[in-house]
């Protein structure tokens, strides 16, 4: 019996396969150290397939960035919806971010650590992306409900979530001795003390 060669993905499956390969390579080696040929070789697809689905490396990176932020936004929106009150919503958001960092380190590395402005210069900054605006929105609503003291919304968002984001960076760098989840309550409590009314 002759062995059949593995079937290559087609259509949307091909597009997703290329995106996942690009994510691994961009997160591991960096955008500038990864060529279209590296992606082609690692994905086992033709250059034509990459150009057909994305056009060029910059457009591939843009599609990947948009896709990852859209998925992250869905996760953040569900976390926000799961909590009653500002404090519970902030805790739920930090918990989700920590879980994503532990379970999808390549994704979070690309979102948090890549210098997007170097290769997506006409794209809005990560801080003005939907997931981060949703996190800021939690605190703005908290201010309107007198759960969060009045302050500039960016200051509030930085005070509440900045420590969590830094802990995520430390986890991605391999600097933490324990899993992120073990720091959840302490990090969330520090953030909440900085913003509560």
C-alpha atoms as a PDB file:
ATOM      1  CA  UNK A   1       0.000   0.000   0.000  1.00  0.00           C
ATOM      2  CA  UNK A   2       1.522   3.321  -1.027  1.00  0.00           C
ATOM      3  CA  UNK A   3       1.642   6.109   1.485  1.00  0.00           C
ATOM      4  CA  UNK A   4      -0.357   9.176   0.458  1.00  0.00           C
ATOM      5  CA  UNK A   5       1.383  12.546   0.825  1.00  0.00           C
ATOM      6  CA  UNK A   6      -0.165  14.795   3.480  1.00  0.00           C
ATOM      7  CA  UNK A   7      -2.896  16.988   2.084  1.00  0.00           C
ATOM      8  CA  UNK A   8      -2.251  20.705   2.119  1.00  0.00           C
ATOM      9  CA  UNK A   9      -4.858  23.005   3.615  1.00  0.00           C
ATOM     10  CA  UNK A  10      -6.955  25.016   1.172  1.00  0.00           C
ATOM     11  CA  UNK A  11      -8.925  28.254   1.249  1.00  0.00           C
ATOM     12  CA  UNK A  12      -9.597  29.545   4.755  1.00  0.00           C
ATOM     13  CA  UNK A  13      -7.674  26.629   6.273  1.00  0.00           C
ATOM     14  CA  UNK A  14      -4.626  27.629   4.195  1.00  0.00           C
ATOM     15  CA  UNK A  15      -4.960  31.262   5.288  1.00  0.00           C
ATOM     16  CA  UNK A  16      -5.202  30.224   8.960  1.00  0.00           C
ATOM     17  CA  UNK A  17      -2.204  27.874   8.568  1.00  0.00           C
ATOM     18  CA  UNK A  18      -0.065  30.681   7.134  1.00  0.00           C
ATOM     19  CA  UNK A  19      -1.145  33.060   9.923  1.00  0.00           C
ATOM     20  CA  UNK A  20      -0.285  30.500  12.611  1.00  0.00           C
ATOM     21  CA  UNK A  21       3.109  29.870  11.037  1.00  0.00           C
ATOM     22  CA  UNK A  22       3.820  33.600  10.772  1.00  0.00           C
ATOM     23  CA  UNK A  23       2.836  34.046  14.408  1.00  0.00           C
ATOM     24  CA  UNK A  24       5.313  31.390  15.552  1.00  0.00           C
ATOM     25  CA  UNK A  25       8.126  32.867  13.471  1.00  0.00           C
ATOM     26  CA  UNK A  26       7.408  36.540  14.218  1.00  0.00           C
ATOM     27  CA  UNK A  27       7.137  35.790  17.952  1.00  0.00           C
ATOM     28  CA  UNK A  28      10.286  33.660  17.968  1.00  0.00           C
ATOM     29  CA  UNK A  29      12.677  35.451  15.620  1.00  0.00           C
ATOM     30  CA  UNK A  30      10.953  38.828  15.212  1.00  0.00           C
ATOM     31  CA  UNK A  31       9.282  40.434  12.226  1.00  0.00           C
ATOM     32  CA  UNK A  32      12.472  41.759  10.620  1.00  0.00           C
ATOM     33  CA  UNK A  33      14.356  38.502  11.080  1.00  0.00           C
ATOM     34  CA  UNK A  34      11.598  36.503   9.385  1.00  0.00           C
ATOM     35  CA  UNK A  35      11.309  36.453   5.606  1.00  0.00           C
ATOM     36  CA  UNK A  36       8.452  35.365   3.384  1.00  0.00           C
ATOM     37  CA  UNK A  37      10.703  32.449   2.388  1.00  0.00           C
ATOM     38  CA  UNK A  38      11.021  31.426   6.062  1.00  0.00           C
ATOM     39  CA  UNK A  39       7.237  31.430   6.373  1.00  0.00           C
ATOM     40  CA  UNK A  40       6.845  29.508   3.107  1.00  0.00           C
ATOM     41  CA  UNK A  41       9.359  26.888   4.161  1.00  0.00           C
ATOM     42  CA  UNK A  42       7.953  26.460   7.691  1.00  0.00           C
ATOM     43  CA  UNK A  43       4.336  26.355   6.493  1.00  0.00           C
ATOM     44  CA  UNK A  44       5.113  24.036   3.600  1.00  0.00           C
ATOM     45  CA  UNK A  45       3.239  26.243   1.117  1.00  0.00           C
ATOM     46  CA  UNK A  46       4.184  28.088  -2.040  1.00  0.00           C
ATOM     47  CA  UNK A  47       5.192  31.736  -2.202  1.00  0.00           C
ATOM     48  CA  UNK A  48       2.210  32.162  -4.507  1.00  0.00           C
ATOM     49  CA  UNK A  49      -0.155  30.954  -1.775  1.00  0.00           C
ATOM     50  CA  UNK A  50       1.181  33.557   0.645  1.00  0.00           C
ATOM     51  CA  UNK A  51       0.918  36.351  -1.917  1.00  0.00           C
ATOM     52  CA  UNK A  52      -2.547  35.169  -2.972  1.00  0.00           C
ATOM     53  CA  UNK A  53      -3.879  35.357   0.591  1.00  0.00           C
ATOM     54  CA  UNK A  54      -1.944  38.367   1.895  1.00  0.00           C
ATOM     55  CA  UNK A  55      -0.028  40.222  -0.821  1.00  0.00           C
ATOM     56  CA  UNK A  56       3.264  40.732   1.042  1.00  0.00           C
ATOM     57  CA  UNK A  57       4.906  40.346   4.453  1.00  0.00           C
ATOM     58  CA  UNK A  58       3.635  43.664   5.809  1.00  0.00           C
ATOM     59  CA  UNK A  59       0.056  42.835   4.832  1.00  0.00           C
ATOM     60  CA  UNK A  60       0.466  39.371   6.364  1.00  0.00           C
ATOM     61  CA  UNK A  61       1.662  40.967   9.638  1.00  0.00           C
ATOM     62  CA  UNK A  62      -1.266  43.398   9.512  1.00  0.00           C
ATOM     63  CA  UNK A  63      -3.759  40.560   8.972  1.00  0.00           C
ATOM     64  CA  UNK A  64      -2.192  38.625  11.854  1.00  0.00           C
ATOM     65  CA  UNK A  65      -2.267  41.662  14.171  1.00  0.00           C
ATOM     66  CA  UNK A  66      -5.912  42.413  13.312  1.00  0.00           C
ATOM     67  CA  UNK A  67      -6.919  38.764  13.735  1.00  0.00           C
ATOM     68  CA  UNK A  68      -5.225  38.432  17.120  1.00  0.00           C
ATOM     69  CA  UNK A  69      -6.660  41.701  18.423  1.00  0.00           C
ATOM     70  CA  UNK A  70     -10.141  40.708  17.278  1.00  0.00           C
ATOM     71  CA  UNK A  71      -9.885  37.404  19.155  1.00  0.00           C
ATOM     72  CA  UNK A  72      -8.442  39.145  22.220  1.00  0.00           C
ATOM     73  CA  UNK A  73     -11.257  41.702  22.117  1.00  0.00           C
ATOM     74  CA  UNK A  74     -13.837  38.906  22.163  1.00  0.00           C
ATOM     75  CA  UNK A  75     -12.089  37.366  25.181  1.00  0.00           C
ATOM     76  CA  UNK A  76     -11.953  40.717  27.000  1.00  0.00           C
ATOM     77  CA  UNK A  77     -15.610  41.519  26.237  1.00  0.00           C
ATOM     78  CA  UNK A  78     -16.680  38.116  27.616  1.00  0.00           C
ATOM     79  CA  UNK A  79     -14.555  38.674  30.735  1.00  0.00           C
ATOM     80  CA  UNK A  80     -16.141  42.094  31.289  1.00  0.00           C
ATOM     81  CA  UNK A  81     -19.641  40.638  30.843  1.00  0.00           C
ATOM     82  CA  UNK A  82     -18.910  37.935  33.436  1.00  0.00           C
ATOM     83  CA  UNK A  83     -18.387  40.378  36.319  1.00  0.00           C
ATOM     84  CA  UNK A  84     -20.863  42.418  38.364  1.00  0.00           C
ATOM     85  CA  UNK A  85     -19.420  45.821  39.208  1.00  0.00           C
ATOM     86  CA  UNK A  86     -16.176  47.493  38.241  1.00  0.00           C
ATOM     87  CA  UNK A  87     -13.922  45.642  40.672  1.00  0.00           C
ATOM     88  CA  UNK A  88     -15.172  42.203  39.564  1.00  0.00           C
ATOM     89  CA  UNK A  89     -14.883  43.192  35.901  1.00  0.00           C
ATOM     90  CA  UNK A  90     -11.289  44.372  36.365  1.00  0.00           C
ATOM     91  CA  UNK A  91     -10.399  41.121  38.139  1.00  0.00           C
ATOM     92  CA  UNK A  92     -12.044  39.102  35.344  1.00  0.00           C
ATOM     93  CA  UNK A  93     -10.083  41.022  32.691  1.00  0.00           C
ATOM     94  CA  UNK A  94      -6.754  40.493  34.468  1.00  0.00           C
ATOM     95  CA  UNK A  95      -7.546  36.810  34.976  1.00  0.00           C
ATOM     96  CA  UNK A  96      -8.323  36.423  31.247  1.00  0.00           C
ATOM     97  CA  UNK A  97      -5.132  38.269  30.249  1.00  0.00           C
ATOM     98  CA  UNK A  98      -3.065  36.053  32.555  1.00  0.00           C
ATOM     99  CA  UNK A  99      -4.736  32.926  31.145  1.00  0.00           C
ATOM    100  CA  UNK A 100      -4.078  34.044  27.556  1.00  0.00           C
ATOM    101  CA  UNK A 101      -0.433  34.721  28.432  1.00  0.00           C
ATOM    102  CA  UNK A 102       0.002  31.254  29.951  1.00  0.00           C
ATOM    103  CA  UNK A 103      -1.926  29.380  27.248  1.00  0.00           C
ATOM    104  CA  UNK A 104      -0.981  31.421  24.157  1.00  0.00           C
ATOM    105  CA  UNK A 105       2.462  32.913  24.788  1.00  0.00           C
ATOM    106  CA  UNK A 106       3.263  33.425  21.095  1.00  0.00           C
ATOM    107  CA  UNK A 107       0.041  35.391  20.620  1.00  0.00           C
ATOM    108  CA  UNK A 108       0.619  37.587  23.638  1.00  0.00           C
ATOM    109  CA  UNK A 109       4.286  38.101  22.732  1.00  0.00           C
ATOM    110  CA  UNK A 110       3.281  39.363  19.310  1.00  0.00           C
ATOM    111  CA  UNK A 111       0.565  41.621  20.746  1.00  0.00           C
ATOM    112  CA  UNK A 112       2.542  43.016  23.668  1.00  0.00           C
ATOM    113  CA  UNK A 113       6.215  42.863  22.751  1.00  0.00           C
ATOM    114  CA  UNK A 114       6.440  43.381  18.986  1.00  0.00           C
ATOM    115  CA  UNK A 115       7.286  46.940  17.959  1.00  0.00           C
ATOM    116  CA  UNK A 116       4.275  47.259  15.672  1.00  0.00           C
ATOM    117  CA  UNK A 117       4.978  50.839  14.648  1.00  0.00           C
ATOM    118  CA  UNK A 118       8.165  49.703  12.941  1.00  0.00           C
ATOM    119  CA  UNK A 119       6.254  47.596  10.439  1.00  0.00           C
ATOM    120  CA  UNK A 120       2.651  48.824  10.762  1.00  0.00           C
ATOM    121  CA  UNK A 121       3.359  52.538  10.759  1.00  0.00           C
ATOM    122  CA  UNK A 122      -0.099  53.605   9.552  1.00  0.00           C
ATOM    123  CA  UNK A 123      -1.924  51.322  12.006  1.00  0.00           C
ATOM    124  CA  UNK A 124      -3.414  52.677  15.248  1.00  0.00           C
ATOM    125  CA  UNK A 125      -1.265  52.031  18.308  1.00  0.00           C
ATOM    126  CA  UNK A 126      -1.881  48.969  20.475  1.00  0.00           C
ATOM    127  CA  UNK A 127      -3.153  51.238  23.271  1.00  0.00           C
ATOM    128  CA  UNK A 128      -5.963  52.545  21.070  1.00  0.00           C
ATOM    129  CA  UNK A 129      -6.993  49.061  19.902  1.00  0.00           C
ATOM    130  CA  UNK A 130     -10.412  47.736  20.850  1.00  0.00           C
ATOM    131  CA  UNK A 131      -9.337  45.385  23.695  1.00  0.00           C
ATOM    132  CA  UNK A 132      -7.436  48.137  25.472  1.00  0.00           C
ATOM    133  CA  UNK A 133     -10.206  50.687  24.892  1.00  0.00           C
ATOM    134  CA  UNK A 134     -12.667  48.174  26.395  1.00  0.00           C
ATOM    135  CA  UNK A 135     -10.471  47.913  29.500  1.00  0.00           C
ATOM    136  CA  UNK A 136     -10.380  51.700  29.774  1.00  0.00           C
ATOM    137  CA  UNK A 137     -14.162  51.745  29.308  1.00  0.00           C
ATOM    138  CA  UNK A 138     -14.646  49.572  32.409  1.00  0.00           C
ATOM    139  CA  UNK A 139     -12.961  52.273  34.492  1.00  0.00           C
ATOM    140  CA  UNK A 140     -14.846  55.122  32.820  1.00  0.00           C
ATOM    141  CA  UNK A 141     -18.130  53.403  33.691  1.00  0.00           C
ATOM    142  CA  UNK A 142     -16.778  52.820  37.193  1.00  0.00           C
ATOM    143  CA  UNK A 143     -16.171  56.550  37.544  1.00  0.00           C
ATOM    144  CA  UNK A 144     -19.698  57.313  36.334  1.00  0.00           C
ATOM    145  CA  UNK A 145     -21.038  54.914  39.001  1.00  0.00           C
ATOM    146  CA  UNK A 146     -18.766  56.353  41.738  1.00  0.00           C
ATOM    147  CA  UNK A 147     -16.917  53.029  42.149  1.00  0.00           C
ATOM    148  CA  UNK A 148     -13.696  54.554  40.777  1.00  0.00           C
ATOM    149  CA  UNK A 149     -12.486  57.982  41.869  1.00  0.00           C
ATOM    150  CA  UNK A 150     -12.482  60.734  39.262  1.00  0.00           C
ATOM    151  CA  UNK A 151      -9.232  60.892  37.291  1.00  0.00           C
ATOM    152  CA  UNK A 152      -8.012  60.900  33.724  1.00  0.00           C
ATOM    153  CA  UNK A 153      -9.232  57.623  32.133  1.00  0.00           C
ATOM    154  CA  UNK A 154      -5.743  56.773  30.846  1.00  0.00           C
ATOM    155  CA  UNK A 155      -4.289  57.246  34.327  1.00  0.00           C
ATOM    156  CA  UNK A 156      -7.027  54.998  35.723  1.00  0.00           C
ATOM    157  CA  UNK A 157      -6.413  52.308  33.077  1.00  0.00           C
ATOM    158  CA  UNK A 158      -2.660  52.446  33.644  1.00  0.00           C
ATOM    159  CA  UNK A 159      -3.061  52.251  37.421  1.00  0.00           C
ATOM    160  CA  UNK A 160      -5.507  49.328  37.229  1.00  0.00           C
ATOM    161  CA  UNK A 161      -3.990  47.254  34.424  1.00  0.00           C
ATOM    162  CA  UNK A 162      -0.382  48.473  34.093  1.00  0.00           C
ATOM    163  CA  UNK A 163       0.949  46.163  36.795  1.00  0.00           C
ATOM    164  CA  UNK A 164      -0.830  43.187  35.247  1.00  0.00           C
ATOM    165  CA  UNK A 165       0.609  43.960  31.826  1.00  0.00           C
ATOM    166  CA  UNK A 166       4.099  44.226  33.331  1.00  0.00           C
ATOM    167  CA  UNK A 167       3.648  40.874  35.075  1.00  0.00           C
ATOM    168  CA  UNK A 168       2.644  39.390  31.714  1.00  0.00           C
ATOM    169  CA  UNK A 169       5.860  40.749  30.170  1.00  0.00           C
ATOM    170  CA  UNK A 170       7.852  39.192  33.001  1.00  0.00           C
ATOM    171  CA  UNK A 171       6.117  35.857  32.443  1.00  0.00           C
ATOM    172  CA  UNK A 172       6.811  35.982  28.707  1.00  0.00           C
ATOM    173  CA  UNK A 173      10.467  36.742  29.477  1.00  0.00           C
ATOM    174  CA  UNK A 174      10.611  33.703  31.788  1.00  0.00           C
ATOM    175  CA  UNK A 175      11.455  35.872  34.806  1.00  0.00           C
ATOM    176  CA  UNK A 176       8.696  34.716  37.169  1.00  0.00           C
ATOM    177  CA  UNK A 177       9.228  31.801  39.528  1.00  0.00           C
ATOM    178  CA  UNK A 178       5.522  30.882  39.730  1.00  0.00           C
ATOM    179  CA  UNK A 179       2.652  30.744  37.230  1.00  0.00           C
ATOM    180  CA  UNK A 180       0.903  34.061  36.571  1.00  0.00           C
ATOM    181  CA  UNK A 181      -2.304  32.828  38.183  1.00  0.00           C
ATOM    182  CA  UNK A 182      -0.581  32.715  41.578  1.00  0.00           C
ATOM    183  CA  UNK A 183      -0.088  36.511  41.388  1.00  0.00           C
ATOM    184  CA  UNK A 184      -3.645  37.296  40.262  1.00  0.00           C
ATOM    185  CA  UNK A 185      -5.245  38.407  43.533  1.00  0.00           C
ATOM    186  CA  UNK A 186      -2.288  40.505  44.667  1.00  0.00           C
ATOM    187  CA  UNK A 187      -1.879  42.248  41.298  1.00  0.00           C
ATOM    188  CA  UNK A 188      -5.607  42.951  40.997  1.00  0.00           C
ATOM    189  CA  UNK A 189      -5.785  44.237  44.579  1.00  0.00           C
ATOM    190  CA  UNK A 190      -2.844  46.606  44.008  1.00  0.00           C
ATOM    191  CA  UNK A 191      -4.521  47.983  40.895  1.00  0.00           C
ATOM    192  CA  UNK A 192      -7.890  48.344  42.596  1.00  0.00           C
ATOM    193  CA  UNK A 193      -6.425  50.223  45.593  1.00  0.00           C
ATOM    194  CA  UNK A 194      -4.960  52.745  43.148  1.00  0.00           C
ATOM    195  CA  UNK A 195      -8.310  53.563  41.528  1.00  0.00           C
ATOM    196  CA  UNK A 196     -11.140  52.843  43.972  1.00  0.00           C
ATOM    197  CA  UNK A 197     -13.363  55.694  45.108  1.00  0.00           C
END
